[in-house]
Amino acid sequence: MNKIAIAKDNEFLLDDLFHIDQMNSHNENFALYFKGRENSILARGETSNYISDYPKDLYIYDYKTKTSSPLISYEWFPSHAKFYLEEYDFPVFPDDFAYYLLKDNKTLVMISAVKSLNANFKFDIIEKKLELYPTTGKFDFIISSFAKNCGHFKFKDNYKCSYYKPLISSNLIN
C-alpha cells in the first residue's frame, strides 16, 4: 500500500499577525482604533518636498460609557515626539507606529514602522504621558510583529511568556 503525504504551506493572514485599525483591551473594557482625519496634512516628507496626507489618529472607545475620544492625535503628538527626535527632520504621525497594549491595560509600547526613524515610545493611557522607550527594554520583537515578554511575574509564579500582537493602521499596509 502506497502512502502519500502532502505538505501544505502555512497560510498567514494579516489578521493573524496584526490587529488592523482596531483592537480590544485585554480586559475588554475599551477598544483602541484608528480614525482617519477629515483634513489632509501638508508636510515635508522624506522622499518629496511636500506631501498631502490623511494620517489617522488613535482613538479610545469606552464600552461602559459608550464614548469615544482621541488618544494620540496629530494635534499634539508631532510636537511631543519632536522633543525626543532631535535628529529626525520630518513630521511623525500617530499611524507611523505599531502599538502593543500591555497586560496592565494602560501602557502602550509604540514601535516605529518608519525605518529611518530610530526611536520608540511608551505611552501611559491613564496619565496621557509620552516618553521615550528604552532600547534595552524587557521585550523581544520578533519579525517586527509579535512581541514576547517572559519572566516570573510574581514570586510564586512559574516562568512564562506572553505574546502580543500589535495594532497597526491600514495606512502602513497600503
N, C-alpha and C. Protein backbone atom coordinates (compact mmCIF):
# COMPACT_ATOMS: atom_id res chain seq x y z
N MET A 1 0.84 -1.17 0.00
CA MET A 1 0.00 0.00 0.00
C MET A 1 0.89 1.24 0.00
N ASN A 2 0.63 2.14 -0.91
CA ASN A 2 1.37 3.39 -1.00
C ASN A 2 0.71 4.44 -0.13
N LYS A 3 1.52 5.15 0.62
CA LYS A 3 1.02 6.27 1.42
C LYS A 3 1.62 7.55 0.87
N ILE A 4 0.77 8.51 0.66
CA ILE A 4 1.23 9.79 0.12
C ILE A 4 1.02 10.86 1.19
N ALA A 5 2.05 11.61 1.43
CA ALA A 5 1.95 12.72 2.38
C ALA A 5 2.10 14.02 1.60
N ILE A 6 1.19 14.92 1.84
CA ILE A 6 1.23 16.22 1.15
C ILE A 6 1.40 17.30 2.22
N ALA A 7 2.39 18.12 2.03
CA ALA A 7 2.61 19.23 2.96
C ALA A 7 1.91 20.47 2.41
N LYS A 8 1.24 21.15 3.29
CA LYS A 8 0.54 22.37 2.90
C LYS A 8 1.27 23.57 3.49
N ASP A 9 1.47 24.58 2.67
CA ASP A 9 2.09 25.80 3.16
C ASP A 9 1.20 26.43 4.22
N ASN A 10 1.84 26.90 5.28
CA ASN A 10 1.07 27.64 6.28
C ASN A 10 0.63 28.96 5.67
N GLU A 11 -0.65 29.24 5.77
CA GLU A 11 -1.16 30.50 5.25
C GLU A 11 -1.29 31.48 6.40
N PHE A 12 -0.63 32.61 6.29
CA PHE A 12 -0.74 33.65 7.29
C PHE A 12 -1.54 34.79 6.70
N LEU A 13 -2.58 35.16 7.38
CA LEU A 13 -3.35 36.33 7.00
C LEU A 13 -2.85 37.50 7.83
N LEU A 14 -3.04 38.70 7.32
CA LEU A 14 -2.61 39.88 8.07
C LEU A 14 -3.25 39.94 9.44
N ASP A 15 -4.51 39.49 9.56
CA ASP A 15 -5.19 39.49 10.85
C ASP A 15 -4.55 38.55 11.84
N ASP A 16 -3.82 37.54 11.36
CA ASP A 16 -3.11 36.62 12.26
C ASP A 16 -1.88 37.29 12.87
N LEU A 17 -1.30 38.25 12.17
CA LEU A 17 -0.08 38.89 12.61
C LEU A 17 -0.31 40.23 13.30
N PHE A 18 -1.37 40.93 12.93
CA PHE A 18 -1.62 42.28 13.43
C PHE A 18 -3.09 42.46 13.75
N HIS A 19 -3.37 43.40 14.65
CA HIS A 19 -4.70 43.98 14.76
C HIS A 19 -4.68 45.15 13.78
N ILE A 20 -5.56 45.17 12.82
CA ILE A 20 -5.54 46.23 11.81
C ILE A 20 -6.68 47.21 12.09
N ASP A 21 -6.32 48.44 12.41
CA ASP A 21 -7.22 49.58 12.66
C ASP A 21 -8.06 49.47 13.93
N GLN A 22 -8.13 48.31 14.61
CA GLN A 22 -8.94 48.22 15.83
C GLN A 22 -8.49 47.03 16.67
N MET A 23 -8.49 47.20 18.00
CA MET A 23 -8.22 46.09 18.92
C MET A 23 -8.90 46.34 20.25
N ASN A 24 -9.30 45.27 20.93
CA ASN A 24 -9.89 45.36 22.26
C ASN A 24 -8.79 45.29 23.30
N SER A 25 -9.07 45.88 24.46
CA SER A 25 -8.15 45.77 25.58
C SER A 25 -8.20 44.34 26.10
N HIS A 26 -7.22 43.96 26.90
CA HIS A 26 -7.16 42.61 27.45
C HIS A 26 -8.36 42.33 28.36
N ASN A 27 -8.81 43.36 29.10
CA ASN A 27 -9.96 43.18 29.98
C ASN A 27 -11.29 43.50 29.28
N GLU A 28 -11.22 43.86 28.01
CA GLU A 28 -12.37 44.17 27.17
C GLU A 28 -13.23 45.33 27.71
N ASN A 29 -12.60 46.27 28.43
CA ASN A 29 -13.29 47.46 28.90
C ASN A 29 -13.27 48.59 27.87
N PHE A 30 -12.30 48.55 26.96
CA PHE A 30 -12.20 49.60 25.95
C PHE A 30 -11.59 49.01 24.68
N ALA A 31 -11.71 49.79 23.62
CA ALA A 31 -11.10 49.43 22.34
C ALA A 31 -10.22 50.60 21.89
N LEU A 32 -9.17 50.27 21.19
CA LEU A 32 -8.32 51.27 20.55
C LEU A 32 -8.54 51.13 19.05
N TYR A 33 -8.67 52.26 18.37
CA TYR A 33 -8.88 52.18 16.93
C TYR A 33 -8.34 53.43 16.25
N PHE A 34 -7.99 53.26 14.98
CA PHE A 34 -7.53 54.37 14.17
C PHE A 34 -8.70 54.98 13.43
N LYS A 35 -8.72 56.30 13.38
CA LYS A 35 -9.76 57.02 12.66
C LYS A 35 -9.07 58.03 11.76
N GLY A 36 -9.45 58.01 10.49
CA GLY A 36 -8.86 58.94 9.52
C GLY A 36 -9.29 60.37 9.76
N ARG A 37 -8.40 61.28 9.45
CA ARG A 37 -8.69 62.71 9.61
C ARG A 37 -9.51 63.20 8.43
N GLU A 38 -10.34 64.20 8.66
CA GLU A 38 -11.15 64.77 7.58
C GLU A 38 -10.32 65.70 6.70
N ASN A 39 -9.29 66.31 7.28
CA ASN A 39 -8.45 67.25 6.53
C ASN A 39 -7.07 66.65 6.30
N SER A 40 -6.51 66.96 5.16
CA SER A 40 -5.16 66.48 4.88
C SER A 40 -4.15 67.32 5.66
N ILE A 41 -2.96 66.80 5.79
CA ILE A 41 -1.87 67.49 6.46
C ILE A 41 -0.82 67.80 5.39
N LEU A 42 -0.43 69.04 5.28
CA LEU A 42 0.62 69.42 4.35
C LEU A 42 1.93 69.37 5.12
N ALA A 43 2.81 68.49 4.73
CA ALA A 43 4.05 68.30 5.48
C ALA A 43 5.18 67.92 4.54
N ARG A 44 6.38 68.24 4.95
CA ARG A 44 7.58 67.88 4.19
C ARG A 44 7.88 66.41 4.47
N GLY A 45 7.98 65.62 3.43
CA GLY A 45 8.25 64.19 3.60
C GLY A 45 9.69 63.84 3.33
N GLU A 46 10.04 62.59 3.55
CA GLU A 46 11.41 62.14 3.32
C GLU A 46 11.75 62.03 1.85
N THR A 47 10.78 61.63 1.02
CA THR A 47 11.08 61.36 -0.39
C THR A 47 10.64 62.46 -1.34
N SER A 48 9.88 63.43 -0.87
CA SER A 48 9.46 64.54 -1.73
C SER A 48 9.39 65.81 -0.90
N ASN A 49 9.33 66.95 -1.59
CA ASN A 49 9.32 68.21 -0.88
C ASN A 49 8.08 68.38 -0.01
N TYR A 50 6.90 68.13 -0.59
CA TYR A 50 5.67 68.26 0.18
C TYR A 50 4.76 67.09 -0.14
N ILE A 51 4.07 66.62 0.90
CA ILE A 51 3.10 65.55 0.70
C ILE A 51 1.76 66.01 1.24
N SER A 52 0.73 65.51 0.67
CA SER A 52 -0.62 65.77 1.18
C SER A 52 -1.13 64.42 1.67
N ASP A 53 -1.32 64.30 2.96
CA ASP A 53 -1.63 63.01 3.55
C ASP A 53 -2.83 63.12 4.47
N TYR A 54 -3.54 62.04 4.64
CA TYR A 54 -4.65 61.94 5.58
C TYR A 54 -4.25 60.96 6.67
N PRO A 55 -3.42 61.40 7.62
CA PRO A 55 -2.98 60.46 8.65
C PRO A 55 -4.16 60.08 9.56
N LYS A 56 -3.99 58.98 10.25
CA LYS A 56 -5.02 58.52 11.18
C LYS A 56 -4.59 58.80 12.60
N ASP A 57 -5.55 59.19 13.42
CA ASP A 57 -5.31 59.39 14.85
C ASP A 57 -5.76 58.14 15.59
N LEU A 58 -5.14 57.89 16.75
CA LEU A 58 -5.53 56.75 17.58
C LEU A 58 -6.60 57.21 18.57
N TYR A 59 -7.73 56.53 18.55
CA TYR A 59 -8.85 56.84 19.44
C TYR A 59 -9.06 55.72 20.44
N ILE A 60 -9.75 56.06 21.52
CA ILE A 60 -10.13 55.07 22.52
C ILE A 60 -11.64 55.11 22.68
N TYR A 61 -12.26 53.93 22.69
CA TYR A 61 -13.71 53.80 22.88
C TYR A 61 -13.94 53.05 24.19
N ASP A 62 -14.69 53.68 25.11
CA ASP A 62 -15.00 53.08 26.41
C ASP A 62 -16.34 52.35 26.29
N TYR A 63 -16.32 51.03 26.50
CA TYR A 63 -17.55 50.24 26.35
C TYR A 63 -18.59 50.56 27.43
N LYS A 64 -18.17 50.95 28.62
CA LYS A 64 -19.11 51.25 29.71
C LYS A 64 -19.86 52.55 29.45
N THR A 65 -19.13 53.61 29.11
CA THR A 65 -19.76 54.91 28.90
C THR A 65 -20.21 55.12 27.46
N LYS A 66 -19.80 54.22 26.58
CA LYS A 66 -20.11 54.31 25.16
C LYS A 66 -19.65 55.65 24.56
N THR A 67 -18.47 56.09 25.00
CA THR A 67 -17.90 57.33 24.49
C THR A 67 -16.57 57.05 23.81
N SER A 68 -16.25 57.90 22.86
CA SER A 68 -15.02 57.79 22.10
C SER A 68 -14.29 59.12 22.16
N SER A 69 -12.96 59.07 22.27
CA SER A 69 -12.18 60.30 22.29
C SER A 69 -10.80 60.03 21.70
N PRO A 70 -10.17 61.09 21.14
CA PRO A 70 -8.83 60.91 20.59
C PRO A 70 -7.83 60.63 21.71
N LEU A 71 -6.95 59.69 21.48
CA LEU A 71 -5.94 59.34 22.47
C LEU A 71 -4.57 59.87 22.05
N ILE A 72 -4.17 59.57 20.82
CA ILE A 72 -2.91 60.09 20.27
C ILE A 72 -3.27 60.72 18.93
N SER A 73 -3.21 62.04 18.89
CA SER A 73 -3.67 62.74 17.68
C SER A 73 -2.57 63.64 17.11
N TYR A 74 -2.77 64.02 15.87
CA TYR A 74 -1.81 64.87 15.18
C TYR A 74 -1.74 66.27 15.82
N GLU A 75 -2.78 66.67 16.56
CA GLU A 75 -2.77 68.00 17.18
C GLU A 75 -1.61 68.16 18.18
N TRP A 76 -1.25 67.12 18.89
CA TRP A 76 -0.20 67.25 19.90
C TRP A 76 0.98 66.29 19.70
N PHE A 77 0.75 65.16 19.06
CA PHE A 77 1.79 64.13 19.01
C PHE A 77 3.08 64.55 18.31
N PRO A 78 3.03 65.16 17.12
CA PRO A 78 4.31 65.51 16.45
C PRO A 78 5.20 66.43 17.28
N SER A 79 4.61 67.41 17.95
CA SER A 79 5.43 68.33 18.75
C SER A 79 6.03 67.63 19.97
N HIS A 80 5.29 66.73 20.60
CA HIS A 80 5.83 66.00 21.75
C HIS A 80 6.91 65.00 21.30
N ALA A 81 6.66 64.32 20.17
CA ALA A 81 7.64 63.35 19.67
C ALA A 81 8.91 64.06 19.23
N LYS A 82 8.77 65.24 18.66
CA LYS A 82 9.92 66.00 18.16
C LYS A 82 10.91 66.31 19.29
N PHE A 83 10.39 66.45 20.51
CA PHE A 83 11.25 66.70 21.67
C PHE A 83 12.30 65.60 21.81
N TYR A 84 11.93 64.35 21.49
CA TYR A 84 12.83 63.21 21.60
C TYR A 84 13.58 62.91 20.31
N LEU A 85 13.13 63.49 19.21
CA LEU A 85 13.66 63.15 17.88
C LEU A 85 14.46 64.31 17.29
N GLU A 86 15.49 64.71 17.96
CA GLU A 86 16.27 65.87 17.53
C GLU A 86 16.92 65.67 16.16
N GLU A 87 17.29 64.46 15.82
CA GLU A 87 17.99 64.21 14.57
C GLU A 87 17.06 63.85 13.42
N TYR A 88 15.75 63.80 13.66
CA TYR A 88 14.78 63.45 12.62
C TYR A 88 14.05 64.71 12.20
N ASP A 89 14.14 65.09 10.93
CA ASP A 89 13.65 66.39 10.47
C ASP A 89 12.27 66.36 9.85
N PHE A 90 11.55 65.25 9.92
CA PHE A 90 10.27 65.14 9.26
C PHE A 90 9.15 64.95 10.28
N PRO A 91 7.92 65.27 9.90
CA PRO A 91 6.82 65.09 10.86
C PRO A 91 6.58 63.61 11.16
N VAL A 92 6.10 63.36 12.35
CA VAL A 92 5.81 61.99 12.80
C VAL A 92 4.30 61.91 13.05
N PHE A 93 3.67 60.96 12.43
CA PHE A 93 2.22 60.78 12.57
C PHE A 93 1.91 59.66 13.55
N PRO A 94 0.76 59.70 14.21
CA PRO A 94 0.39 58.61 15.13
C PRO A 94 0.34 57.25 14.44
N ASP A 95 0.00 57.23 13.16
CA ASP A 95 -0.11 55.93 12.47
C ASP A 95 1.21 55.46 11.87
N ASP A 96 2.33 56.09 12.27
CA ASP A 96 3.66 55.64 11.88
C ASP A 96 4.21 54.57 12.83
N PHE A 97 3.39 54.12 13.77
CA PHE A 97 3.85 53.21 14.81
C PHE A 97 2.96 51.97 14.88
N ALA A 98 3.54 50.89 15.37
CA ALA A 98 2.79 49.70 15.77
C ALA A 98 2.61 49.81 17.28
N TYR A 99 1.39 49.58 17.75
CA TYR A 99 1.05 49.77 19.16
C TYR A 99 0.85 48.42 19.85
N TYR A 100 1.63 48.19 20.90
CA TYR A 100 1.49 46.99 21.71
C TYR A 100 0.84 47.39 23.03
N LEU A 101 -0.35 46.90 23.30
CA LEU A 101 -1.03 47.16 24.57
C LEU A 101 -0.60 46.09 25.55
N LEU A 102 0.01 46.50 26.65
CA LEU A 102 0.50 45.54 27.63
C LEU A 102 -0.65 45.04 28.51
N LYS A 103 -0.39 43.98 29.26
CA LYS A 103 -1.42 43.33 30.07
C LYS A 103 -2.00 44.24 31.15
N ASP A 104 -1.32 45.32 31.51
CA ASP A 104 -1.85 46.23 32.53
C ASP A 104 -2.99 47.08 31.98
N ASN A 105 -3.25 47.00 30.68
CA ASN A 105 -4.31 47.74 30.01
C ASN A 105 -4.17 49.26 30.13
N LYS A 106 -2.96 49.73 30.41
CA LYS A 106 -2.75 51.17 30.47
C LYS A 106 -1.47 51.62 29.79
N THR A 107 -0.64 50.68 29.38
CA THR A 107 0.64 51.02 28.77
C THR A 107 0.67 50.59 27.31
N LEU A 108 0.98 51.54 26.44
CA LEU A 108 1.19 51.26 25.02
C LEU A 108 2.67 51.40 24.72
N VAL A 109 3.26 50.36 24.14
CA VAL A 109 4.62 50.46 23.63
C VAL A 109 4.47 50.73 22.14
N MET A 110 5.09 51.82 21.68
CA MET A 110 4.96 52.27 20.30
C MET A 110 6.28 52.01 19.57
N ILE A 111 6.24 51.10 18.60
CA ILE A 111 7.43 50.74 17.85
C ILE A 111 7.33 51.38 16.47
N SER A 112 8.35 52.12 16.08
CA SER A 112 8.33 52.84 14.81
C SER A 112 8.27 51.90 13.62
N ALA A 113 7.36 52.21 12.70
CA ALA A 113 7.27 51.45 11.45
C ALA A 113 8.03 52.15 10.33
N VAL A 114 8.59 53.32 10.61
CA VAL A 114 9.37 54.08 9.65
C VAL A 114 10.84 53.71 9.87
N LYS A 115 11.47 53.11 8.86
CA LYS A 115 12.82 52.58 9.03
C LYS A 115 13.84 53.64 9.43
N SER A 116 13.75 54.83 8.88
CA SER A 116 14.75 55.84 9.19
C SER A 116 14.51 56.53 10.54
N LEU A 117 13.37 56.29 11.13
CA LEU A 117 13.06 56.84 12.45
C LEU A 117 13.48 55.80 13.48
N ASN A 118 14.56 56.07 14.17
CA ASN A 118 15.12 55.08 15.09
C ASN A 118 14.77 55.44 16.53
N ALA A 119 13.47 55.47 16.85
CA ALA A 119 13.02 55.76 18.21
C ALA A 119 11.68 55.10 18.44
N ASN A 120 11.50 54.65 19.65
CA ASN A 120 10.25 54.03 20.06
C ASN A 120 9.77 54.74 21.32
N PHE A 121 8.46 54.65 21.58
CA PHE A 121 7.88 55.37 22.70
C PHE A 121 7.07 54.45 23.60
N LYS A 122 6.82 54.96 24.79
CA LYS A 122 5.90 54.33 25.73
C LYS A 122 4.85 55.39 26.06
N PHE A 123 3.58 55.01 26.04
CA PHE A 123 2.50 55.95 26.31
C PHE A 123 1.61 55.40 27.41
N ASP A 124 1.40 56.20 28.45
CA ASP A 124 0.51 55.83 29.55
C ASP A 124 -0.89 56.33 29.21
N ILE A 125 -1.83 55.42 29.01
CA ILE A 125 -3.19 55.78 28.60
C ILE A 125 -3.91 56.58 29.67
N ILE A 126 -3.70 56.23 30.94
CA ILE A 126 -4.38 56.90 32.04
C ILE A 126 -3.83 58.32 32.24
N GLU A 127 -2.52 58.43 32.33
CA GLU A 127 -1.86 59.72 32.58
C GLU A 127 -1.69 60.55 31.32
N LYS A 128 -1.90 59.94 30.14
CA LYS A 128 -1.68 60.60 28.84
C LYS A 128 -0.24 61.14 28.75
N LYS A 129 0.69 60.29 29.13
CA LYS A 129 2.09 60.69 29.19
C LYS A 129 2.91 59.90 28.18
N LEU A 130 3.66 60.62 27.36
CA LEU A 130 4.53 60.03 26.34
C LEU A 130 5.97 60.12 26.81
N GLU A 131 6.69 59.01 26.69
CA GLU A 131 8.12 59.04 26.99
C GLU A 131 8.86 58.13 26.02
N LEU A 132 10.14 58.37 25.91
CA LEU A 132 10.98 57.56 25.04
C LEU A 132 11.08 56.17 25.64
N TYR A 133 10.92 55.14 24.80
CA TYR A 133 11.02 53.76 25.27
C TYR A 133 12.48 53.34 25.17
N PRO A 134 13.05 52.85 26.25
CA PRO A 134 14.48 52.49 26.21
C PRO A 134 14.73 51.33 25.25
N THR A 135 15.84 51.38 24.58
CA THR A 135 16.18 50.31 23.64
C THR A 135 16.60 49.04 24.35
N THR A 136 16.83 49.12 25.64
CA THR A 136 17.21 47.94 26.42
C THR A 136 16.02 47.46 27.25
N GLY A 137 14.83 47.46 26.67
CA GLY A 137 13.62 47.07 27.38
C GLY A 137 13.54 45.57 27.57
N LYS A 138 12.46 45.13 28.20
CA LYS A 138 12.26 43.72 28.53
C LYS A 138 11.66 42.94 27.36
N PHE A 139 11.35 43.58 26.27
CA PHE A 139 10.63 42.91 25.19
C PHE A 139 11.57 42.51 24.07
N ASP A 140 11.30 41.34 23.49
CA ASP A 140 11.97 40.90 22.27
C ASP A 140 10.95 41.08 21.16
N PHE A 141 11.32 41.77 20.10
CA PHE A 141 10.40 41.97 18.99
C PHE A 141 10.76 41.01 17.88
N ILE A 142 9.81 40.19 17.53
CA ILE A 142 10.03 39.08 16.61
C ILE A 142 9.43 39.45 15.25
N ILE A 143 10.25 39.50 14.23
CA ILE A 143 9.82 39.76 12.86
C ILE A 143 8.96 41.02 12.77
N SER A 144 9.23 41.98 13.60
CA SER A 144 8.53 43.27 13.59
C SER A 144 7.02 43.15 13.79
N SER A 145 6.54 42.03 14.28
CA SER A 145 5.11 41.96 14.54
C SER A 145 4.84 41.52 15.97
N PHE A 146 5.17 40.30 16.33
CA PHE A 146 4.89 39.84 17.67
C PHE A 146 5.91 40.37 18.67
N ALA A 147 5.46 40.62 19.88
CA ALA A 147 6.37 40.96 20.97
C ALA A 147 6.25 39.86 22.01
N LYS A 148 7.37 39.51 22.61
CA LYS A 148 7.38 38.45 23.61
C LYS A 148 7.92 39.02 24.91
N ASN A 149 7.20 38.79 26.01
CA ASN A 149 7.63 39.23 27.33
C ASN A 149 7.64 38.00 28.23
N CYS A 150 8.80 37.62 28.71
CA CYS A 150 8.91 36.40 29.51
C CYS A 150 9.45 36.74 30.90
N GLY A 151 9.07 35.91 31.86
CA GLY A 151 9.61 36.07 33.20
C GLY A 151 8.72 35.51 34.28
N HIS A 152 9.11 35.77 35.51
CA HIS A 152 8.32 35.41 36.69
C HIS A 152 7.58 36.69 37.10
N PHE A 153 6.27 36.71 36.94
CA PHE A 153 5.53 37.94 37.18
C PHE A 153 5.20 38.12 38.66
N LYS A 154 5.15 37.05 39.43
CA LYS A 154 5.02 37.09 40.88
C LYS A 154 6.01 36.08 41.43
N PHE A 155 6.36 36.19 42.69
CA PHE A 155 7.39 35.35 43.27
C PHE A 155 7.09 33.86 43.10
N LYS A 156 5.84 33.45 43.30
CA LYS A 156 5.49 32.04 43.25
C LYS A 156 5.10 31.55 41.85
N ASP A 157 5.05 32.45 40.87
CA ASP A 157 4.67 32.07 39.51
C ASP A 157 5.75 31.27 38.82
N ASN A 158 5.33 30.43 37.90
CA ASN A 158 6.26 29.76 37.01
C ASN A 158 6.73 30.73 35.95
N TYR A 159 7.87 30.43 35.37
CA TYR A 159 8.38 31.23 34.26
C TYR A 159 7.43 31.06 33.08
N LYS A 160 6.95 32.17 32.52
CA LYS A 160 6.05 32.06 31.37
C LYS A 160 6.25 33.25 30.44
N CYS A 161 5.79 33.07 29.23
CA CYS A 161 5.91 34.11 28.21
C CYS A 161 4.53 34.57 27.77
N SER A 162 4.41 35.87 27.54
CA SER A 162 3.19 36.43 26.96
C SER A 162 3.55 36.96 25.58
N TYR A 163 2.68 36.74 24.63
CA TYR A 163 2.91 37.23 23.27
C TYR A 163 1.89 38.32 22.96
N TYR A 164 2.34 39.36 22.31
CA TYR A 164 1.49 40.50 21.98
C TYR A 164 1.47 40.70 20.47
N LYS A 165 0.29 40.88 19.94
CA LYS A 165 0.10 41.18 18.53
C LYS A 165 -0.18 42.68 18.44
N PRO A 166 0.51 43.43 17.59
CA PRO A 166 0.37 44.89 17.59
C PRO A 166 -0.86 45.38 16.84
N LEU A 167 -1.28 46.58 17.19
CA LEU A 167 -2.30 47.33 16.46
C LEU A 167 -1.57 48.21 15.46
N ILE A 168 -1.93 48.09 14.19
CA ILE A 168 -1.35 48.95 13.16
C ILE A 168 -2.46 49.60 12.35
N SER A 169 -2.11 50.70 11.73
CA SER A 169 -3.04 51.38 10.83
C SER A 169 -3.02 50.72 9.46
N SER A 170 -4.15 50.68 8.82
CA SER A 170 -4.18 50.14 7.45
C SER A 170 -3.35 51.01 6.51
N ASN A 171 -3.03 52.26 6.90
CA ASN A 171 -2.14 53.11 6.08
C ASN A 171 -0.76 52.49 5.95
N LEU A 172 -0.32 51.71 6.94
CA LEU A 172 1.00 51.08 6.86
C LEU A 172 1.03 49.96 5.83
N ILE A 173 -0.11 49.38 5.55
CA ILE A 173 -0.18 48.27 4.60
C ILE A 173 -0.29 48.80 3.17
N ASN A 174 -0.99 49.89 3.00
CA ASN A 174 -1.22 50.44 1.65
C ASN A 174 -0.02 51.09 1.07
